[in-house]
Amino acid sequence: MWYIDGMIRGLSQHQLARKIGATQPQVSDWLSGKKTPIASNLTKLAEAMDMPEEDLARLLTIRRKSRTKPTAETETFETN
């Protein structure tokens, strides 16, 4: 199981950042929906979180949209 906030697959955001070659503020911004990672960082992040890249991209998009206005789409995240 993975968690978007706090510990992610047993790693702190700082540890996750070091693992993928990013900074903790970058990881925080990506996971909160404040900013969008470039494709190569999205790939590394998905691999480190052991989840499909498409699912992570969808979740981050939902988080980004929820920062602007709540919609039905931002209420849940289901995997196929």
N, C-alpha and C. Protein backbone atom coordinates (compact mmCIF):
# COMPACT_ATOMS: atom_id res chain seq x y z
N MET A 1 0.84 -1.18 0.00
CA MET A 1 0.00 0.00 0.00
C MET A 1 0.88 1.24 0.00
N TRP A 2 0.43 2.27 -0.66
CA TRP A 2 1.17 3.52 -0.69
C TRP A 2 0.30 4.65 -0.17
N TYR A 3 0.93 5.68 0.32
CA TYR A 3 0.23 6.84 0.85
C TYR A 3 0.80 8.08 0.17
N ILE A 4 -0.06 8.98 -0.22
CA ILE A 4 0.40 10.20 -0.88
C ILE A 4 0.92 11.20 0.14
N ASP A 5 0.31 11.28 1.29
CA ASP A 5 0.76 12.21 2.32
C ASP A 5 1.57 11.47 3.36
N GLY A 6 2.56 12.12 3.90
CA GLY A 6 3.36 11.49 4.94
C GLY A 6 4.28 10.43 4.38
N MET A 7 4.24 9.26 4.95
CA MET A 7 5.13 8.17 4.52
C MET A 7 4.61 7.53 3.23
N ILE A 8 5.51 7.29 2.32
CA ILE A 8 5.17 6.70 1.04
C ILE A 8 6.00 5.42 0.89
N ARG A 9 5.31 4.28 0.92
CA ARG A 9 5.99 2.98 0.85
C ARG A 9 7.12 2.91 1.87
N GLY A 10 6.86 3.46 3.07
CA GLY A 10 7.85 3.41 4.13
C GLY A 10 8.91 4.49 4.05
N LEU A 11 8.81 5.38 3.08
CA LEU A 11 9.79 6.45 2.91
C LEU A 11 9.16 7.80 3.25
N SER A 12 9.95 8.66 3.86
CA SER A 12 9.50 10.04 4.04
C SER A 12 9.63 10.76 2.69
N GLN A 13 9.06 11.92 2.57
CA GLN A 13 9.20 12.69 1.32
C GLN A 13 10.67 12.98 1.05
N HIS A 14 11.43 13.25 2.10
CA HIS A 14 12.86 13.52 1.93
C HIS A 14 13.59 12.29 1.38
N GLN A 15 13.29 11.13 1.95
CA GLN A 15 13.92 9.89 1.48
C GLN A 15 13.50 9.57 0.06
N LEU A 16 12.23 9.77 -0.25
CA LEU A 16 11.74 9.54 -1.60
C LEU A 16 12.44 10.48 -2.58
N ALA A 17 12.59 11.74 -2.19
CA ALA A 17 13.27 12.71 -3.05
C ALA A 17 14.70 12.27 -3.35
N ARG A 18 15.41 11.85 -2.32
CA ARG A 18 16.80 11.39 -2.52
C ARG A 18 16.84 10.18 -3.44
N LYS A 19 15.87 9.29 -3.28
CA LYS A 19 15.84 8.06 -4.08
C LYS A 19 15.66 8.36 -5.57
N ILE A 20 14.90 9.41 -5.90
CA ILE A 20 14.63 9.71 -7.31
C ILE A 20 15.44 10.89 -7.83
N GLY A 21 16.30 11.46 -7.00
CA GLY A 21 17.16 12.55 -7.45
C GLY A 21 16.46 13.90 -7.52
N ALA A 22 15.54 14.12 -6.60
CA ALA A 22 14.81 15.39 -6.54
C ALA A 22 15.00 15.99 -5.15
N THR A 23 14.36 17.11 -4.88
CA THR A 23 14.40 17.71 -3.56
C THR A 23 13.08 17.43 -2.84
N GLN A 24 13.11 17.50 -1.51
CA GLN A 24 11.89 17.28 -0.74
C GLN A 24 10.81 18.31 -1.10
N PRO A 25 11.16 19.61 -1.27
CA PRO A 25 10.11 20.56 -1.67
C PRO A 25 9.48 20.22 -3.03
N GLN A 26 10.29 19.70 -3.97
CA GLN A 26 9.72 19.29 -5.26
C GLN A 26 8.72 18.16 -5.06
N VAL A 27 9.10 17.15 -4.31
CA VAL A 27 8.21 16.01 -4.07
C VAL A 27 6.94 16.48 -3.38
N SER A 28 7.08 17.33 -2.40
CA SER A 28 5.92 17.87 -1.70
C SER A 28 4.99 18.61 -2.65
N ASP A 29 5.56 19.44 -3.52
CA ASP A 29 4.75 20.18 -4.49
C ASP A 29 4.04 19.24 -5.46
N TRP A 30 4.71 18.20 -5.90
CA TRP A 30 4.09 17.25 -6.83
C TRP A 30 2.96 16.50 -6.16
N LEU A 31 3.21 16.00 -4.96
CA LEU A 31 2.21 15.17 -4.30
C LEU A 31 1.01 15.96 -3.80
N SER A 32 1.21 17.24 -3.57
CA SER A 32 0.11 18.09 -3.11
C SER A 32 -0.71 18.65 -4.27
N GLY A 33 -0.18 18.50 -5.49
CA GLY A 33 -0.88 19.05 -6.65
C GLY A 33 -0.51 20.49 -6.95
N LYS A 34 0.44 21.02 -6.20
CA LYS A 34 0.86 22.41 -6.42
C LYS A 34 1.59 22.57 -7.75
N LYS A 35 2.39 21.58 -8.10
CA LYS A 35 3.14 21.58 -9.36
C LYS A 35 3.06 20.20 -10.00
N THR A 36 3.35 20.13 -11.28
CA THR A 36 3.31 18.88 -12.02
C THR A 36 4.73 18.45 -12.36
N PRO A 37 5.10 17.21 -12.04
CA PRO A 37 6.45 16.74 -12.38
C PRO A 37 6.59 16.53 -13.89
N ILE A 38 7.81 16.75 -14.39
CA ILE A 38 8.06 16.43 -15.80
C ILE A 38 7.97 14.92 -15.97
N ALA A 39 7.84 14.48 -17.19
CA ALA A 39 7.60 13.06 -17.48
C ALA A 39 8.64 12.15 -16.85
N SER A 40 9.91 12.50 -16.94
CA SER A 40 10.95 11.62 -16.38
C SER A 40 10.83 11.51 -14.87
N ASN A 41 10.47 12.61 -14.20
CA ASN A 41 10.28 12.55 -12.74
C ASN A 41 9.02 11.80 -12.36
N LEU A 42 7.98 11.91 -13.18
CA LEU A 42 6.76 11.15 -12.93
C LEU A 42 7.06 9.65 -13.00
N THR A 43 7.85 9.25 -13.97
CA THR A 43 8.24 7.85 -14.13
C THR A 43 9.01 7.37 -12.90
N LYS A 44 10.01 8.15 -12.47
CA LYS A 44 10.80 7.77 -11.30
C LYS A 44 9.93 7.70 -10.05
N LEU A 45 9.04 8.66 -9.90
CA LEU A 45 8.16 8.71 -8.73
C LEU A 45 7.25 7.49 -8.71
N ALA A 46 6.66 7.16 -9.84
CA ALA A 46 5.78 5.99 -9.92
C ALA A 46 6.54 4.71 -9.60
N GLU A 47 7.75 4.58 -10.13
CA GLU A 47 8.55 3.39 -9.85
C GLU A 47 8.88 3.30 -8.37
N ALA A 48 9.27 4.42 -7.76
CA ALA A 48 9.61 4.42 -6.34
C ALA A 48 8.40 4.11 -5.48
N MET A 49 7.22 4.49 -5.94
CA MET A 49 5.99 4.24 -5.18
C MET A 49 5.37 2.90 -5.54
N ASP A 50 5.98 2.20 -6.51
CA ASP A 50 5.51 0.89 -6.95
C ASP A 50 4.05 0.93 -7.37
N MET A 51 3.75 1.89 -8.24
CA MET A 51 2.39 2.00 -8.76
C MET A 51 2.47 2.35 -10.24
N PRO A 52 1.45 2.01 -11.01
CA PRO A 52 1.45 2.33 -12.43
C PRO A 52 1.53 3.85 -12.63
N GLU A 53 2.35 4.23 -13.59
CA GLU A 53 2.54 5.66 -13.89
C GLU A 53 1.21 6.34 -14.24
N GLU A 54 0.35 5.64 -14.96
CA GLU A 54 -0.94 6.23 -15.36
C GLU A 54 -1.80 6.53 -14.14
N ASP A 55 -1.78 5.64 -13.15
CA ASP A 55 -2.56 5.86 -11.93
C ASP A 55 -2.02 7.06 -11.15
N LEU A 56 -0.70 7.16 -11.05
CA LEU A 56 -0.11 8.28 -10.34
C LEU A 56 -0.41 9.59 -11.07
N ALA A 57 -0.29 9.59 -12.40
CA ALA A 57 -0.59 10.80 -13.17
C ALA A 57 -2.04 11.23 -12.96
N ARG A 58 -2.93 10.27 -12.95
CA ARG A 58 -4.35 10.58 -12.74
C ARG A 58 -4.58 11.16 -11.34
N LEU A 59 -3.97 10.54 -10.34
CA LEU A 59 -4.13 11.02 -8.97
C LEU A 59 -3.57 12.44 -8.81
N LEU A 60 -2.40 12.69 -9.39
CA LEU A 60 -1.80 14.02 -9.28
C LEU A 60 -2.65 15.05 -10.02
N THR A 61 -3.25 14.67 -11.13
CA THR A 61 -4.14 15.57 -11.86
C THR A 61 -5.36 15.91 -11.01
N ILE A 62 -5.92 14.91 -10.37
CA ILE A 62 -7.08 15.14 -9.50
C ILE A 62 -6.70 16.07 -8.35
N ARG A 63 -5.54 15.85 -7.77
CA ARG A 63 -5.08 16.72 -6.67
C ARG A 63 -4.90 18.16 -7.16
N ARG A 64 -4.32 18.31 -8.34
CA ARG A 64 -4.09 19.66 -8.90
C ARG A 64 -5.43 20.35 -9.13
N LYS A 65 -6.38 19.63 -9.69
CA LYS A 65 -7.70 20.21 -9.94
C LYS A 65 -8.42 20.56 -8.64
N SER A 66 -8.22 19.75 -7.61
CA SER A 66 -8.91 20.01 -6.35
C SER A 66 -8.35 21.25 -5.65
N ARG A 67 -7.16 21.68 -6.03
CA ARG A 67 -6.60 22.90 -5.45
C ARG A 67 -7.31 24.13 -5.99
N THR A 68 -7.95 24.02 -7.16
CA THR A 68 -8.62 25.17 -7.74
C THR A 68 -10.10 25.20 -7.42
N LYS A 69 -10.79 24.10 -7.61
CA LYS A 69 -12.20 24.04 -7.25
C LYS A 69 -12.62 22.59 -7.09
N PRO A 70 -13.43 22.32 -6.10
CA PRO A 70 -13.88 20.93 -5.90
C PRO A 70 -14.87 20.51 -6.98
N THR A 71 -14.71 19.28 -7.44
CA THR A 71 -15.63 18.70 -8.41
C THR A 71 -15.90 17.26 -8.01
N ALA A 72 -16.84 16.65 -8.66
CA ALA A 72 -17.13 15.24 -8.38
C ALA A 72 -15.89 14.39 -8.63
N GLU A 73 -15.09 14.76 -9.62
CA GLU A 73 -13.90 13.99 -9.97
C GLU A 73 -12.87 14.03 -8.84
N THR A 74 -12.84 15.09 -8.07
CA THR A 74 -11.82 15.20 -7.01
C THR A 74 -12.20 14.47 -5.75
N GLU A 75 -13.40 13.96 -5.68
CA GLU A 75 -13.86 13.32 -4.45
C GLU A 75 -13.28 11.92 -4.25
N THR A 76 -13.10 11.16 -5.32
CA THR A 76 -12.61 9.80 -5.16
C THR A 76 -11.56 9.49 -6.20
N PHE A 77 -10.79 8.47 -5.91
CA PHE A 77 -9.79 7.97 -6.85
C PHE A 77 -9.91 6.46 -6.86
N GLU A 78 -10.30 5.94 -7.99
CA GLU A 78 -10.43 4.49 -8.10
C GLU A 78 -9.47 3.97 -9.16
N THR A 79 -8.86 2.85 -8.89
CA THR A 79 -8.01 2.22 -9.88
C THR A 79 -8.82 1.20 -10.64
N ASN A 80 -8.45 0.99 -11.85
CA ASN A 80 -9.16 0.01 -12.69
C ASN A 80 -8.74 -1.39 -12.36
